[in-house]
């Protein structure tokens, strides 16, 4: 679980990256495979990226950053990841 100091450090980092990205048109794409916890984590990551100045895109080819959020507990999720990366 995050402590108050951990959250403070995360917010400081987000602000630093936001300043670096200022004036840039950066995009991100995130693939979520796995359970509902992965969905929840992806939503948090999306929020962090958007606070850093990134805009979501559905086309990974337009993205400056692509994140694969998968579950190592469920083999099916990892299989989806490897299929997705081999398609491109």
C-alpha atoms as a PDB file:
ATOM      1  CA  UNK A   1       0.000   0.000   0.000  1.00  0.00           C
ATOM      2  CA  UNK A   2       1.198   3.518  -0.788  1.00  0.00           C
ATOM      3  CA  UNK A   3       2.328   5.707   2.033  1.00  0.00           C
ATOM      4  CA  UNK A   4       1.713   9.434   2.057  1.00  0.00           C
ATOM      5  CA  UNK A   5       5.350  10.004   1.039  1.00  0.00           C
ATOM      6  CA  UNK A   6       5.014   7.597  -1.913  1.00  0.00           C
ATOM      7  CA  UNK A   7       1.946   9.426  -3.189  1.00  0.00           C
ATOM      8  CA  UNK A   8       3.705  12.767  -2.723  1.00  0.00           C
ATOM      9  CA  UNK A   9       6.705  11.532  -4.742  1.00  0.00           C
ATOM     10  CA  UNK A  10       4.395  10.276  -7.503  1.00  0.00           C
ATOM     11  CA  UNK A  11       2.637  13.641  -7.717  1.00  0.00           C
ATOM     12  CA  UNK A  12       5.981  15.470  -7.843  1.00  0.00           C
ATOM     13  CA  UNK A  13       7.165  13.193 -10.646  1.00  0.00           C
ATOM     14  CA  UNK A  14       3.934  13.705 -12.600  1.00  0.00           C
ATOM     15  CA  UNK A  15       4.363  17.484 -12.315  1.00  0.00           C
ATOM     16  CA  UNK A  16       7.986  17.291 -13.537  1.00  0.00           C
ATOM     17  CA  UNK A  17       6.994  15.214 -16.567  1.00  0.00           C
ATOM     18  CA  UNK A  18       4.046  17.531 -17.250  1.00  0.00           C
ATOM     19  CA  UNK A  19       6.447  20.490 -17.453  1.00  0.00           C
ATOM     20  CA  UNK A  20       8.780  18.562 -19.776  1.00  0.00           C
ATOM     21  CA  UNK A  21       5.837  17.633 -22.035  1.00  0.00           C
ATOM     22  CA  UNK A  22       4.369  21.141 -22.091  1.00  0.00           C
ATOM     23  CA  UNK A  23       3.515  22.258 -25.616  1.00  0.00           C
ATOM     24  CA  UNK A  24       4.024  18.786 -27.073  1.00  0.00           C
ATOM     25  CA  UNK A  25       1.271  16.700 -28.643  1.00  0.00           C
ATOM     26  CA  UNK A  26       2.018  13.307 -27.082  1.00  0.00           C
ATOM     27  CA  UNK A  27      -0.249  10.276 -27.245  1.00  0.00           C
ATOM     28  CA  UNK A  28      -0.496   7.011 -25.365  1.00  0.00           C
ATOM     29  CA  UNK A  29      -2.133   3.664 -25.918  1.00  0.00           C
ATOM     30  CA  UNK A  30      -2.759   1.024 -23.296  1.00  0.00           C
ATOM     31  CA  UNK A  31      -3.723  -2.620 -23.769  1.00  0.00           C
ATOM     32  CA  UNK A  32      -5.321  -4.216 -20.734  1.00  0.00           C
ATOM     33  CA  UNK A  33      -5.544  -7.991 -20.539  1.00  0.00           C
ATOM     34  CA  UNK A  34      -6.475  -9.894 -17.434  1.00  0.00           C
ATOM     35  CA  UNK A  35      -8.788  -9.390 -14.534  1.00  0.00           C
ATOM     36  CA  UNK A  36     -10.767  -6.457 -13.154  1.00  0.00           C
ATOM     37  CA  UNK A  37      -7.763  -5.422 -11.083  1.00  0.00           C
ATOM     38  CA  UNK A  38      -5.859  -4.901 -14.326  1.00  0.00           C
ATOM     39  CA  UNK A  39      -8.718  -2.719 -15.587  1.00  0.00           C
ATOM     40  CA  UNK A  40      -8.546  -0.670 -12.399  1.00  0.00           C
ATOM     41  CA  UNK A  41      -4.763  -0.304 -12.655  1.00  0.00           C
ATOM     42  CA  UNK A  42      -5.056   0.752 -16.300  1.00  0.00           C
ATOM     43  CA  UNK A  43      -7.541   3.471 -15.371  1.00  0.00           C
ATOM     44  CA  UNK A  44      -5.069   4.785 -12.804  1.00  0.00           C
ATOM     45  CA  UNK A  45      -2.232   4.703 -15.339  1.00  0.00           C
ATOM     46  CA  UNK A  46      -4.415   6.531 -17.887  1.00  0.00           C
ATOM     47  CA  UNK A  47      -5.100   9.245 -15.322  1.00  0.00           C
ATOM     48  CA  UNK A  48      -1.399   9.616 -14.544  1.00  0.00           C
ATOM     49  CA  UNK A  49      -0.468   9.828 -18.226  1.00  0.00           C
ATOM     50  CA  UNK A  50      -3.172  12.385 -18.921  1.00  0.00           C
ATOM     51  CA  UNK A  51      -1.967  14.462 -15.979  1.00  0.00           C
ATOM     52  CA  UNK A  52       1.490  14.344 -17.597  1.00  0.00           C
ATOM     53  CA  UNK A  53       0.120  15.804 -20.829  1.00  0.00           C
ATOM     54  CA  UNK A  54      -0.539  12.675 -22.890  1.00  0.00           C
ATOM     55  CA  UNK A  55      -3.733  12.112 -24.873  1.00  0.00           C
ATOM     56  CA  UNK A  56      -5.221   8.659 -25.382  1.00  0.00           C
ATOM     57  CA  UNK A  57      -5.215   7.172 -28.882  1.00  0.00           C
ATOM     58  CA  UNK A  58      -6.813   3.921 -29.991  1.00  0.00           C
ATOM     59  CA  UNK A  59      -4.159   3.362 -32.668  1.00  0.00           C
ATOM     60  CA  UNK A  60      -0.913   2.197 -31.109  1.00  0.00           C
ATOM     61  CA  UNK A  61       0.958   3.322 -34.240  1.00  0.00           C
ATOM     62  CA  UNK A  62       0.107   6.937 -33.357  1.00  0.00           C
ATOM     63  CA  UNK A  63       1.225   6.509 -29.751  1.00  0.00           C
ATOM     64  CA  UNK A  64       4.417   7.901 -28.295  1.00  0.00           C
ATOM     65  CA  UNK A  65       4.102   5.401 -25.467  1.00  0.00           C
ATOM     66  CA  UNK A  66       2.381   1.995 -25.484  1.00  0.00           C
ATOM     67  CA  UNK A  67       1.681   0.106 -22.282  1.00  0.00           C
ATOM     68  CA  UNK A  68       0.780  -3.571 -22.029  1.00  0.00           C
ATOM     69  CA  UNK A  69      -0.935  -4.218 -18.714  1.00  0.00           C
ATOM     70  CA  UNK A  70      -1.383  -7.939 -18.318  1.00  0.00           C
ATOM     71  CA  UNK A  71      -1.856 -10.495 -15.585  1.00  0.00           C
ATOM     72  CA  UNK A  72       0.881 -13.012 -14.892  1.00  0.00           C
ATOM     73  CA  UNK A  73      -1.515 -15.131 -12.816  1.00  0.00           C
ATOM     74  CA  UNK A  74      -3.853 -15.886 -15.692  1.00  0.00           C
ATOM     75  CA  UNK A  75      -2.089 -17.595 -18.569  1.00  0.00           C
ATOM     76  CA  UNK A  76      -4.819 -16.553 -21.013  1.00  0.00           C
ATOM     77  CA  UNK A  77      -3.919 -12.890 -20.534  1.00  0.00           C
ATOM     78  CA  UNK A  78      -0.266 -13.498 -21.347  1.00  0.00           C
ATOM     79  CA  UNK A  79      -1.236 -15.536 -24.409  1.00  0.00           C
ATOM     80  CA  UNK A  80      -3.285 -12.551 -25.645  1.00  0.00           C
ATOM     81  CA  UNK A  81      -0.296 -10.286 -25.133  1.00  0.00           C
ATOM     82  CA  UNK A  82       2.037 -12.472 -27.164  1.00  0.00           C
ATOM     83  CA  UNK A  83      -0.537 -12.816 -29.956  1.00  0.00           C
ATOM     84  CA  UNK A  84      -1.029  -9.031 -30.015  1.00  0.00           C
ATOM     85  CA  UNK A  85       2.680  -8.241 -30.195  1.00  0.00           C
ATOM     86  CA  UNK A  86       3.330 -10.858 -32.887  1.00  0.00           C
ATOM     87  CA  UNK A  87       0.530  -9.407 -35.085  1.00  0.00           C
ATOM     88  CA  UNK A  88       2.477  -6.194 -35.499  1.00  0.00           C
END
